[in-house]
Amino acid sequence: MLMFVAGVGVSMVMPAAQTSVINAVPPQQIGRASGVFSTLRQFGGVLGIAALAPLFTALGGYGSPQTFVDGFGPALGLGAGLPAAGALAALFIPARRGTDPPTPVADPDGPGERERLSTTGYR
């Protein structure tokens, strides 16, 4: 049941996190922001495994059901504590200041092209 709750929580958080990252950058940097987000998400998973596996093997193992539980409990606790610490740290991130609106660039296709694109949505 606990793994089900964790799966539901992750599936609800990840799209919201991706959307907030994409909305935090100008349109010209969306690809870069998405790549950085994906890279850091993968790095976080690797770092989590690197932190949990030594704890599991130091306190337990696969020798018997009891040794498995002895290692799994503390590893699960650390696995829950790391995101909680991250959420707590996020509370201290300063609010984003307002940014200047983007400056318009000259339309290379000439006048009128911008209006056509805004009504059709494509070139």
Protein backbone atom coordinates (compact mmCIF):
# COMPACT_ATOMS: atom_id res chain seq x y z
CA MET A 1 0.00 0.00 0.00
CA LEU A 2 2.85 2.36 0.82
CA MET A 3 4.41 1.84 -2.62
CA PHE A 4 1.03 2.58 -4.23
CA VAL A 5 0.81 5.89 -2.37
CA ALA A 6 4.37 6.75 -3.37
CA GLY A 7 3.63 5.93 -7.01
CA VAL A 8 0.51 8.06 -7.04
CA GLY A 9 2.37 10.92 -5.38
CA VAL A 10 5.24 10.83 -7.86
CA SER A 11 2.87 10.64 -10.83
CA MET A 12 1.08 13.75 -9.55
CA VAL A 13 4.23 15.74 -8.71
CA MET A 14 6.34 15.16 -11.82
CA PRO A 15 4.02 16.81 -14.41
CA ALA A 16 3.51 19.79 -12.10
CA ALA A 17 7.26 20.12 -11.56
CA GLN A 18 7.93 19.91 -15.31
CA THR A 19 5.28 22.54 -15.99
CA SER A 20 6.66 24.91 -13.38
CA VAL A 21 10.17 24.57 -14.85
CA ILE A 22 8.93 25.23 -18.38
CA ASN A 23 6.84 28.22 -17.27
CA ALA A 24 9.80 29.74 -15.42
CA VAL A 25 11.88 30.40 -18.54
CA PRO A 26 11.40 32.44 -21.70
CA PRO A 27 10.16 30.52 -24.76
CA GLN A 28 13.62 30.53 -26.34
CA GLN A 29 15.00 28.51 -23.41
CA ILE A 30 12.26 25.89 -23.01
CA GLY A 31 14.35 23.13 -24.60
CA ARG A 32 17.32 23.88 -22.40
CA ALA A 33 15.16 24.03 -19.26
CA SER A 34 13.51 20.72 -20.11
CA GLY A 35 16.89 19.08 -20.67
CA VAL A 36 18.30 20.40 -17.41
CA PHE A 37 15.18 19.26 -15.55
CA SER A 38 15.42 15.74 -17.00
CA THR A 39 19.14 15.52 -16.27
CA LEU A 40 18.70 16.63 -12.67
CA ARG A 41 15.78 14.23 -12.20
CA GLN A 42 17.95 11.32 -13.39
CA PHE A 43 20.86 12.51 -11.24
CA GLY A 44 18.54 12.65 -8.23
CA GLY A 45 17.52 9.04 -8.79
CA VAL A 46 21.14 7.92 -9.04
CA LEU A 47 22.08 9.91 -5.95
CA GLY A 48 19.16 8.39 -4.05
CA ILE A 49 20.27 4.85 -4.93
CA ALA A 50 23.85 5.74 -4.00
CA ALA A 51 22.68 6.91 -0.57
CA LEU A 52 20.16 4.14 0.16
CA ALA A 53 22.09 1.06 -0.99
CA PRO A 54 25.03 1.46 1.44
CA LEU A 55 22.62 2.08 4.31
CA PHE A 56 20.65 -1.04 3.41
CA THR A 57 23.76 -3.20 3.18
CA ALA A 58 25.30 -1.77 6.37
CA LEU A 59 22.21 -2.45 8.49
CA GLY A 60 20.70 -5.47 6.75
CA GLY A 61 20.92 -7.59 3.65
CA TYR A 62 19.34 -10.49 1.80
CA GLY A 63 20.41 -13.26 4.21
CA SER A 64 17.03 -13.73 5.85
CA PRO A 65 13.69 -11.95 5.98
CA GLN A 66 14.69 -10.33 9.26
CA THR A 67 17.99 -8.95 7.95
CA PHE A 68 16.11 -7.62 4.93
CA VAL A 69 13.66 -5.78 7.18
CA ASP A 70 16.53 -4.55 9.35
CA GLY A 71 18.09 -2.81 6.34
CA PHE A 72 14.93 -1.87 4.47
CA GLY A 73 13.31 0.12 7.28
CA PRO A 74 16.15 2.62 7.76
CA ALA A 75 16.70 2.89 3.99
CA LEU A 76 13.01 3.65 3.49
CA GLY A 77 13.18 6.24 6.27
CA LEU A 78 16.15 7.93 4.60
CA GLY A 79 14.33 7.70 1.27
CA ALA A 80 11.43 9.62 2.78
CA GLY A 81 13.62 12.04 4.71
CA LEU A 82 15.64 13.28 1.72
CA PRO A 83 12.61 14.59 -0.22
CA ALA A 84 11.21 16.06 3.00
CA ALA A 85 14.49 17.92 3.52
CA GLY A 86 14.32 19.13 -0.08
CA ALA A 87 10.77 20.38 0.41
CA LEU A 88 11.81 22.17 3.58
CA ALA A 89 14.76 23.77 1.79
CA ALA A 90 12.43 24.88 -1.03
CA LEU A 91 10.49 26.97 1.46
CA PHE A 92 13.55 29.20 1.82
CA ILE A 93 14.01 29.86 -1.90
CA PRO A 94 13.41 33.57 -2.44
CA ALA A 95 10.44 34.57 -4.55
CA ARG A 96 11.09 35.35 -8.16
CA ARG A 97 11.20 39.02 -8.99
CA GLY A 98 9.16 40.38 -11.85
CA THR A 99 10.96 40.41 -15.15
CA ASP A 100 10.82 42.99 -17.88
CA PRO A 101 8.54 42.07 -20.76
CA PRO A 102 10.41 40.78 -23.80
CA THR A 103 11.32 43.36 -26.39
CA PRO A 104 9.59 42.83 -29.71
CA VAL A 105 11.79 41.85 -32.62
CA ALA A 106 11.30 42.93 -36.18
CA ASP A 107 9.25 40.53 -38.25
CA PRO A 108 11.56 39.18 -40.98
CA ASP A 109 8.60 38.33 -43.21
CA GLY A 110 7.33 41.89 -43.25
CA PRO A 111 4.17 43.49 -41.90
CA GLY A 112 1.04 41.40 -41.91
CA GLU A 113 2.80 38.04 -41.47
CA ARG A 114 2.51 38.21 -37.70
CA GLU A 115 -1.27 38.67 -37.91
CA ARG A 116 -1.62 35.73 -40.28
CA LEU A 117 0.43 33.51 -37.95
CA SER A 118 -1.60 34.54 -34.93
CA THR A 119 -4.86 33.52 -36.61
CA THR A 120 -3.68 30.28 -38.24
CA GLY A 121 -1.17 29.18 -35.60
CA TYR A 122 1.36 27.86 -38.11
CA ARG A 123 3.45 28.88 -41.13
